[in-house]
Amino acid sequence: MQAEIIAVGTEILLGQIVNSNASFLAKQFADLGIDSLNQQVVGDNPERMEQALQLADSRADVVVLLGGLGPTKDDLSKQVLAKHLGVPLATDQPAHDKLAHYAEQQHHTMTANNWVQAQYPEGAHVLANHVGLAVGAVFEAPGHRYILLPGPPKEFKPMVLDQLVPYLLKVLGGNAVLKSKVLRFFGIGESALVTELQDLIENQTNPTIAPYIKDWEVTLRITAKAETPEAAQALIAPMQKAVLNRVGQYFYGFGDDNSLAQVAVHALSTHHLTLTAAESLTAGAFQAALGDVPGVSEWFKGGFVTYSNHTKALFLGLDEAKINADGAVSEQTAIAMADGALSKAEADIAISFTGVAGPGPAEGQEAGTVWIGLAQSGKPTTAALYHFPGARADVRGRAVKAGLFTIYQALNE
């Protein structure tokens, strides 16, 4: 089975939004063993949409239209597809009733163009939209399957995962189920991870292994297909064990929605320990990342942003002359900052950041040079040296994540 994804939207062509839906759907197809050899992006123009469909027909047997299911005049996907198929549009009654109920709740009259959200090409299998209002659909024609999916990611992803994937599994293998487990890693690049797991990846059948890189981390999705969820998990377990035996030192958690900030806060709560931070290089970004985690206020005491040597001394009770002598970007200063923050905030753990974000060198040290200090009550204070690649934002982003990983590791030794 070969699929072609056609993303519909002039805003994608203009670069106003990123075509993340196509990437997400392509990953789902890969997990299902469906080849996705070509993708297209087309604007909200019926003639060019028809040309895109004709091209997709010539080289794929599954054709997907992403977006264009809404109520505005440039939402034309279902109308263009219905014309392409030579069928009228029909109305899905549950979706129609949902629209009517929505209008009643909002105390307004539903305009005629809004009702199109409940329509689909006659004869298609309807994909209900449990988050939004526009239904999706799968139309089976001789030699082809056509799929309509909504554009907003909050509607698109649940429809794909909860309805389209189970539908395709039945098409592909009867009553088979598909289960995935996502493993998250920090401190190792994608190429190094793939090298460590090369034989597992080359010999994969069921389960499959797929690495992805995003925001200075690497995730690994292990996916198995079986007759029951339990059987799929049984296939995943030995592969997961094999992976962690090789690269477990970089592993920090499971799940698509997990993060280093979440596992760091969870570790603090598990041990009932409080945290503070002193940031020079990262200018508060580490503390902001912690603040995104619900419930962090119980474990995060607050911290310090000390960009200059003077504020390092003033806020943290340090000797400014010593900082000047040692250099702001040094092991000694990172340790002193962590110790000072620990004392001033009366916390159990303190972390510090100092370094050269770039774009050029400072204090005779190259951009990307970073020291991260760690102070813990009753333990010697330490500092670790990193050399992060990339532009200024990359160095700072990597430093924040390295700091979170440092907390996680220190509390899970």
Protein backbone atom coordinates (compact mmCIF):
# COMPACT_ATOMS: atom_id res chain seq x y z
CA MET A 1 0.00 0.00 0.00
CA GLN A 2 1.39 3.41 -1.00
CA ALA A 3 0.06 6.69 0.37
CA GLU A 4 0.36 10.26 -0.82
CA ILE A 5 -0.34 13.16 1.51
CA ILE A 6 -1.70 16.41 0.07
CA ALA A 7 -1.61 19.27 2.57
CA VAL A 8 -4.14 21.93 1.61
CA GLY A 9 -3.66 25.55 2.60
CA THR A 10 -2.25 28.71 1.08
CA GLU A 11 -0.92 29.62 4.53
CA ILE A 12 1.44 26.62 4.36
CA LEU A 13 2.79 27.73 0.98
CA LEU A 14 3.35 31.24 2.35
CA GLY A 15 5.24 29.89 5.34
CA GLN A 16 2.69 31.24 7.82
CA ILE A 17 2.26 27.82 9.44
CA VAL A 18 4.45 24.72 9.58
CA ASN A 19 3.17 21.56 7.90
CA SER A 20 3.45 19.47 11.08
CA ASN A 21 0.35 17.38 10.34
CA ALA A 22 1.97 15.74 7.32
CA SER A 23 4.98 14.77 9.40
CA PHE A 24 2.77 13.26 12.09
CA LEU A 25 0.66 11.31 9.58
CA ALA A 26 3.74 10.06 7.71
CA LYS A 27 5.04 8.60 11.00
CA GLN A 28 1.74 6.81 11.56
CA PHE A 29 1.87 5.38 8.04
CA ALA A 30 5.45 4.22 8.60
CA ASP A 31 4.42 2.43 11.80
CA LEU A 32 1.64 0.69 9.88
CA GLY A 33 3.99 -0.39 7.12
CA ILE A 34 2.36 1.92 4.57
CA ASP A 35 4.84 3.52 2.18
CA SER A 36 4.60 7.29 1.85
CA LEU A 37 6.78 8.07 -1.15
CA ASN A 38 5.49 11.52 -2.13
CA GLN A 39 3.88 14.53 -0.51
CA GLN A 40 2.33 17.67 -1.97
CA VAL A 41 1.31 21.09 -0.66
CA VAL A 42 -1.36 22.95 -2.59
CA GLY A 43 -3.14 26.23 -2.01
CA ASP A 44 -6.86 26.79 -1.58
CA ASN A 45 -7.57 26.65 -5.30
CA PRO A 46 -9.96 24.04 -6.73
CA GLU A 47 -8.19 23.70 -10.08
CA ARG A 48 -4.78 23.12 -8.51
CA MET A 49 -6.32 20.80 -5.91
CA GLU A 50 -7.80 18.71 -8.73
CA GLN A 51 -4.40 18.59 -10.46
CA ALA A 52 -2.83 17.42 -7.19
CA LEU A 53 -5.43 14.65 -6.89
CA GLN A 54 -4.81 13.51 -10.45
CA LEU A 55 -1.07 13.34 -9.83
CA ALA A 56 -1.58 11.42 -6.58
CA ASP A 57 -3.92 8.98 -8.34
CA SER A 58 -1.16 8.13 -10.79
CA ARG A 59 1.31 6.96 -8.12
CA ALA A 60 -0.53 6.08 -4.89
CA ASP A 61 -3.49 3.97 -3.83
CA VAL A 62 -4.14 5.92 -0.59
CA VAL A 63 -4.64 9.65 -1.13
CA VAL A 64 -5.01 11.97 1.86
CA LEU A 65 -6.25 15.56 1.86
CA LEU A 66 -5.17 17.39 5.02
CA GLY A 67 -7.16 20.49 5.92
CA GLY A 68 -9.82 22.48 4.14
CA LEU A 69 -12.83 20.98 5.93
CA GLY A 70 -14.00 24.11 7.72
CA PRO A 71 -16.85 26.56 7.02
CA THR A 72 -15.02 29.36 5.19
CA LYS A 73 -15.17 29.88 1.44
CA ASP A 74 -11.58 28.70 0.98
CA ASP A 75 -12.26 25.37 2.73
CA LEU A 76 -12.83 23.29 -0.38
CA SER A 77 -11.33 19.84 0.19
CA LYS A 78 -14.50 17.79 0.51
CA GLN A 79 -16.20 19.66 -2.35
CA VAL A 80 -13.22 19.14 -4.68
CA LEU A 81 -12.89 15.47 -3.73
CA ALA A 82 -16.62 14.83 -4.20
CA LYS A 83 -16.43 16.35 -7.69
CA HIS A 84 -13.29 14.31 -8.43
CA LEU A 85 -15.17 11.16 -7.43
CA GLY A 86 -18.37 12.13 -9.20
CA VAL A 87 -20.52 11.87 -6.06
CA PRO A 88 -22.68 14.40 -4.19
CA LEU A 89 -22.13 15.51 -0.62
CA ALA A 90 -24.22 13.86 2.08
CA THR A 91 -24.89 15.03 5.65
CA ASP A 92 -23.79 13.14 8.74
CA GLN A 93 -26.70 13.48 11.15
CA PRO A 94 -24.71 13.23 14.43
CA ALA A 95 -22.37 15.98 13.20
CA HIS A 96 -25.37 18.06 12.09
CA ASP A 97 -26.93 17.67 15.54
CA LYS A 98 -23.65 18.63 17.18
CA LEU A 99 -23.51 21.82 15.12
CA ALA A 100 -27.08 22.66 16.09
CA HIS A 101 -26.32 22.08 19.78
CA TYR A 102 -23.19 24.22 19.51
CA ALA A 103 -25.18 27.07 17.98
CA GLU A 104 -27.76 26.80 20.75
CA GLN A 105 -25.06 26.90 23.44
CA GLN A 106 -23.48 29.97 21.84
CA HIS A 107 -26.87 31.69 21.44
CA HIS A 108 -26.43 32.41 17.77
CA THR A 109 -27.96 31.30 14.49
CA MET A 110 -25.88 28.84 12.50
CA THR A 111 -25.16 30.34 9.07
CA ALA A 112 -25.55 28.18 5.98
CA ASN A 113 -21.82 27.82 5.37
CA ASN A 114 -21.31 26.24 8.81
CA TRP A 115 -23.48 23.22 7.96
CA VAL A 116 -20.92 22.09 5.36
CA GLN A 117 -18.78 20.88 8.28
CA ALA A 118 -21.25 18.00 8.73
CA GLN A 119 -21.02 16.96 5.09
CA TYR A 120 -18.89 14.27 3.44
CA PRO A 121 -18.70 12.58 0.00
CA GLU A 122 -21.71 10.30 -0.28
CA GLY A 123 -20.79 6.65 0.25
CA ALA A 124 -17.76 7.38 2.43
CA HIS A 125 -17.05 6.06 5.93
CA VAL A 126 -17.37 9.02 8.31
CA LEU A 127 -14.58 9.81 10.77
CA ALA A 128 -16.24 11.58 13.68
CA ASN A 129 -14.63 14.71 15.10
CA HIS A 130 -14.85 14.48 18.90
CA VAL A 131 -12.86 17.68 19.43
CA GLY A 132 -14.15 20.01 16.72
CA LEU A 133 -17.07 20.24 14.33
CA ALA A 134 -15.86 19.18 10.86
CA VAL A 135 -16.11 15.46 10.12
CA GLY A 136 -13.46 13.51 8.25
CA ALA A 137 -14.10 10.65 5.85
CA VAL A 138 -12.64 7.64 4.04
CA PHE A 139 -13.97 6.92 0.55
CA GLU A 140 -13.20 3.55 -1.01
CA ALA A 141 -13.07 3.64 -4.81
CA PRO A 142 -11.76 1.03 -7.26
CA GLY A 143 -7.99 1.02 -6.83
CA HIS A 144 -7.91 3.92 -4.39
CA ARG A 145 -8.84 5.04 -0.89
CA TYR A 146 -9.34 8.75 -0.32
CA ILE A 147 -9.06 10.23 3.17
CA LEU A 148 -10.24 13.64 4.39
CA LEU A 149 -8.77 14.96 7.65
CA PRO A 150 -9.16 18.32 9.45
CA GLY A 151 -6.33 20.84 9.62
CA PRO A 152 -6.28 22.05 13.25
CA PRO A 153 -3.80 19.74 15.06
CA LYS A 154 -6.01 19.45 18.14
CA GLU A 155 -8.70 17.91 15.90
CA PHE A 156 -6.41 16.16 13.44
CA LYS A 157 -4.32 14.08 15.86
CA PRO A 158 -7.20 12.52 17.83
CA MET A 159 -9.01 11.66 14.58
CA VAL A 160 -5.89 9.98 13.20
CA LEU A 161 -5.08 8.03 16.36
CA ASP A 162 -8.59 7.12 17.50
CA GLN A 163 -10.31 6.47 14.18
CA LEU A 164 -8.09 6.41 11.10
CA VAL A 165 -5.38 4.11 12.51
CA PRO A 166 -7.89 1.47 13.76
CA TYR A 167 -9.67 1.65 10.38
CA LEU A 168 -6.41 1.10 8.49
CA LEU A 169 -5.40 -1.72 10.82
CA LYS A 170 -8.60 -3.57 9.91
CA VAL A 171 -7.87 -2.99 6.23
CA LEU A 172 -4.31 -4.22 6.62
CA GLY A 173 -4.69 -7.12 8.98
CA GLY A 174 -8.15 -7.97 10.19
CA ASN A 175 -8.42 -7.42 13.94
CA ALA A 176 -4.78 -6.51 14.58
CA VAL A 177 -3.93 -3.75 17.05
CA LEU A 178 -0.97 -1.40 16.97
CA LYS A 179 0.83 -0.37 20.14
CA SER A 180 3.77 1.98 20.50
CA LYS A 181 6.11 2.92 23.30
CA VAL A 182 8.18 6.10 23.16
CA LEU A 183 11.57 6.16 24.91
CA ARG A 184 13.21 9.55 25.49
CA PHE A 185 16.96 10.24 25.58
CA PHE A 186 19.21 13.21 26.30
CA GLY A 187 22.96 13.57 25.91
CA ILE A 188 23.30 11.46 22.78
CA GLY A 189 22.73 12.57 19.19
CA GLU A 190 20.51 10.78 16.70
CA SER A 191 23.43 9.48 14.64
CA ALA A 192 25.21 8.12 17.72
CA LEU A 193 22.00 6.48 18.96
CA VAL A 194 21.39 4.89 15.57
CA THR A 195 24.99 3.64 15.51
CA GLU A 196 24.57 1.99 18.91
CA LEU A 197 21.34 0.32 17.77
CA GLN A 198 22.24 -0.27 14.13
CA ASP A 199 21.77 -4.03 14.08
CA LEU A 200 18.43 -3.78 15.88
CA ILE A 201 17.21 -1.22 13.37
CA GLU A 202 18.50 -3.11 10.32
CA ASN A 203 16.92 -6.39 11.44
CA GLN A 204 13.62 -4.97 12.63
CA THR A 205 10.39 -6.60 11.53
CA ASN A 206 7.81 -6.61 14.32
CA PRO A 207 8.30 -4.57 16.43
CA THR A 208 9.75 -1.69 14.44
CA ILE A 209 12.10 1.00 15.77
CA ALA A 210 11.98 4.62 14.61
CA PRO A 211 14.27 7.37 16.00
CA TYR A 212 13.26 11.05 15.92
CA ILE A 213 15.17 14.17 16.93
CA LYS A 214 13.54 17.30 18.30
CA ASP A 215 14.64 20.17 20.54
CA TRP A 216 18.07 18.75 21.36
CA GLU A 217 16.68 15.36 22.38
CA VAL A 218 16.20 12.01 20.68
CA THR A 219 13.10 9.85 20.99
CA LEU A 220 12.76 6.24 19.95
CA ARG A 221 9.36 4.80 19.07
CA ILE A 222 9.02 1.02 19.36
CA THR A 223 5.86 -0.16 17.60
CA ALA A 224 4.37 -3.65 17.53
CA LYS A 225 1.39 -5.13 15.72
CA ALA A 226 -0.46 -8.09 17.24
CA GLU A 227 -3.90 -9.54 17.79
CA THR A 228 -4.27 -8.06 21.29
CA PRO A 229 -2.77 -5.11 23.18
CA GLU A 230 -1.16 -7.55 25.60
CA ALA A 231 0.50 -9.48 22.78
CA ALA A 232 1.80 -6.24 21.27
CA GLN A 233 3.28 -5.17 24.62
CA ALA A 234 4.92 -8.59 24.93
CA LEU A 235 6.67 -7.96 21.61
CA ILE A 236 7.79 -4.49 22.69
CA ALA A 237 9.25 -5.53 26.07
CA PRO A 238 12.36 -7.47 24.87
CA MET A 239 13.19 -4.79 22.31
CA GLN A 240 12.90 -2.11 24.97
CA LYS A 241 15.24 -4.11 27.22
CA ALA A 242 17.78 -4.51 24.43
CA VAL A 243 17.74 -0.78 23.70
CA LEU A 244 18.17 0.23 27.34
CA ASN A 245 20.99 -2.27 27.83
CA ARG A 246 22.95 -0.31 25.23
CA VAL A 247 21.97 3.33 25.74
CA GLY A 248 20.23 3.33 29.10
CA GLN A 249 22.62 5.94 30.53
CA TYR A 250 20.97 8.55 28.29
CA PHE A 251 17.37 7.44 28.97
CA TYR A 252 15.12 9.58 31.13
CA GLY A 253 11.50 8.57 30.54
CA PHE A 254 8.62 7.34 28.41
CA GLY A 255 5.88 9.02 26.43
CA ASP A 256 5.17 11.56 23.68
CA ASP A 257 4.10 14.20 26.19
CA ASN A 258 6.90 13.72 28.69
CA SER A 259 9.79 16.18 29.20
CA LEU A 260 13.01 16.61 31.14
CA ALA A 261 11.34 19.31 33.22
CA GLN A 262 8.56 16.91 34.20
CA VAL A 263 10.89 14.10 35.25
CA ALA A 264 13.12 16.52 37.17
CA VAL A 265 10.15 17.87 39.13
CA HIS A 266 8.84 14.35 39.68
CA ALA A 267 12.24 13.34 41.10
CA LEU A 268 12.18 16.32 43.47
CA SER A 269 8.68 15.44 44.66
CA THR A 270 9.59 11.77 45.10
CA HIS A 271 12.50 12.69 47.36
CA HIS A 272 10.69 15.68 48.95
CA LEU A 273 13.55 18.03 48.08
CA THR A 274 13.52 21.71 47.16
CA LEU A 275 15.46 23.30 44.31
CA THR A 276 16.89 26.71 43.48
CA ALA A 277 18.95 27.98 40.54
CA ALA A 278 21.49 30.67 39.71
CA GLU A 279 21.54 31.49 36.00
CA SER A 280 23.98 33.59 34.04
CA LEU A 281 24.16 32.06 30.56
CA THR A 282 20.51 30.94 30.47
CA ALA A 283 19.06 34.16 31.94
CA GLY A 284 16.11 32.50 33.65
CA ALA A 285 15.24 29.98 30.93
CA PHE A 286 15.90 27.04 33.27
CA GLN A 287 13.50 28.43 35.87
CA ALA A 288 10.93 29.15 33.16
CA ALA A 289 11.11 25.51 32.01
CA LEU A 290 10.42 24.38 35.58
CA GLY A 291 7.53 26.82 35.83
CA ASP A 292 5.75 25.06 32.95
CA VAL A 293 5.25 21.96 35.14
CA PRO A 294 2.05 21.96 37.24
CA GLY A 295 2.72 21.62 40.96
CA VAL A 296 6.34 22.74 40.75
CA SER A 297 5.84 25.53 43.29
CA GLU A 298 5.97 23.01 46.12
CA TRP A 299 9.52 22.01 45.15
CA PHE A 300 10.99 25.05 43.39
CA LYS A 301 11.95 27.78 45.86
CA GLY A 302 12.69 30.45 43.28
CA GLY A 303 16.09 31.48 42.06
CA PHE A 304 18.49 34.09 40.74
CA VAL A 305 19.37 35.58 37.36
CA THR A 306 22.90 36.89 37.72
CA TYR A 307 24.20 37.97 34.35
CA SER A 308 27.04 40.26 35.40
CA ASN A 309 29.86 39.51 37.81
CA HIS A 310 28.58 42.27 40.07
CA THR A 311 25.12 40.72 40.39
CA LYS A 312 26.66 37.28 40.92
CA ALA A 313 28.46 38.72 43.93
CA LEU A 314 25.57 40.88 45.11
CA PHE A 315 22.74 38.34 44.81
CA LEU A 316 24.66 35.22 45.82
CA GLY A 317 27.00 36.62 48.46
CA LEU A 318 30.16 35.93 46.48
CA ASP A 319 33.53 37.68 46.25
CA GLU A 320 33.47 39.76 43.08
CA ALA A 321 37.26 40.03 42.99
CA LYS A 322 37.53 36.22 43.02
CA ILE A 323 34.98 35.90 40.21
CA ASN A 324 37.00 38.39 38.16
CA ALA A 325 40.18 36.48 38.90
CA ASP A 326 38.76 33.03 38.14
CA GLY A 327 36.66 34.22 35.20
CA ALA A 328 32.89 34.18 34.95
CA VAL A 329 33.07 31.10 32.72
CA SER A 330 34.96 28.72 34.98
CA GLU A 331 34.55 25.69 37.18
CA GLN A 332 35.26 27.79 40.27
CA THR A 333 32.53 30.33 39.47
CA ALA A 334 29.97 27.65 38.62
CA ILE A 335 30.63 25.97 41.98
CA ALA A 336 30.53 29.28 43.87
CA MET A 337 27.23 30.23 42.20
CA ALA A 338 25.64 26.91 43.13
CA ASP A 339 26.87 27.16 46.72
CA GLY A 340 25.69 30.75 47.01
CA ALA A 341 22.23 29.96 45.66
CA LEU A 342 21.89 26.95 47.98
CA SER A 343 22.70 29.11 50.98
CA LYS A 344 20.62 32.16 50.04
CA ALA A 345 17.48 30.20 49.08
CA GLU A 346 17.86 27.66 51.89
CA ALA A 347 17.08 24.88 49.40
CA ASP A 348 18.16 21.25 49.29
CA ILE A 349 19.64 21.42 45.79
CA ALA A 350 21.02 24.27 43.71
CA ILE A 351 22.10 24.35 40.09
CA SER A 352 24.09 27.05 38.33
CA PHE A 353 24.77 28.01 34.71
CA THR A 354 27.61 30.07 33.33
CA GLY A 355 29.10 30.03 29.86
CA VAL A 356 29.54 31.57 26.43
CA ALA A 357 26.38 31.51 24.34
CA GLY A 358 27.95 33.24 21.37
CA PRO A 359 27.97 34.13 18.60
CA GLY A 360 31.65 34.84 19.32
CA PRO A 361 34.12 33.84 22.03
CA ALA A 362 34.38 35.48 25.46
CA GLU A 363 37.10 35.40 28.10
CA GLY A 364 39.22 33.53 25.58
CA GLN A 365 36.72 30.65 25.42
CA GLU A 366 34.78 29.48 22.39
CA ALA A 367 31.04 29.91 22.00
CA GLY A 368 29.28 26.85 23.36
CA THR A 369 31.53 26.51 26.42
CA VAL A 370 29.23 25.92 29.39
CA TRP A 371 29.76 25.09 33.06
CA ILE A 372 26.86 23.69 35.09
CA GLY A 373 27.31 23.54 38.86
CA LEU A 374 25.42 21.29 41.27
CA ALA A 375 25.22 21.81 45.03
CA GLN A 376 23.40 19.40 47.36
CA SER A 377 23.06 19.57 51.10
CA GLY A 378 25.60 17.24 52.71
CA LYS A 379 27.47 16.48 49.48
CA PRO A 380 30.49 18.04 47.74
CA THR A 381 29.59 20.66 45.14
CA THR A 382 30.63 19.80 41.60
CA ALA A 383 30.63 21.40 38.15
CA ALA A 384 30.57 19.80 34.72
CA LEU A 385 31.99 21.24 31.51
CA TYR A 386 30.04 21.07 28.24
CA HIS A 387 30.79 22.16 24.69
CA PHE A 388 27.47 22.66 22.94
CA PRO A 389 27.26 23.18 19.16
CA GLY A 390 24.93 25.53 17.37
CA ALA A 391 23.82 29.14 17.43
CA ARG A 392 23.20 31.18 20.57
CA ALA A 393 19.66 29.85 21.09
CA ASP A 394 20.88 26.27 20.61
CA VAL A 395 23.61 26.64 23.24
CA ARG A 396 21.21 28.10 25.77
CA GLY A 397 18.49 25.54 25.01
CA ARG A 398 20.89 22.63 25.30
CA ALA A 399 22.22 24.03 28.59
CA VAL A 400 18.73 24.20 30.08
CA LYS A 401 18.05 20.59 29.16
CA ALA A 402 21.48 19.49 30.42
CA GLY A 403 20.65 21.15 33.74
CA LEU A 404 17.33 19.35 34.00
CA PHE A 405 19.02 16.05 33.12
CA THR A 406 21.64 16.78 35.81
CA ILE A 407 18.89 17.11 38.43
CA TYR A 408 17.17 13.95 37.19
CA GLN A 409 20.40 11.93 37.28
CA ALA A 410 21.48 13.23 40.67
CA LEU A 411 18.20 12.16 42.25
CA ASN A 412 18.04 8.78 40.50
CA GLU A 413 21.53 7.48 41.23
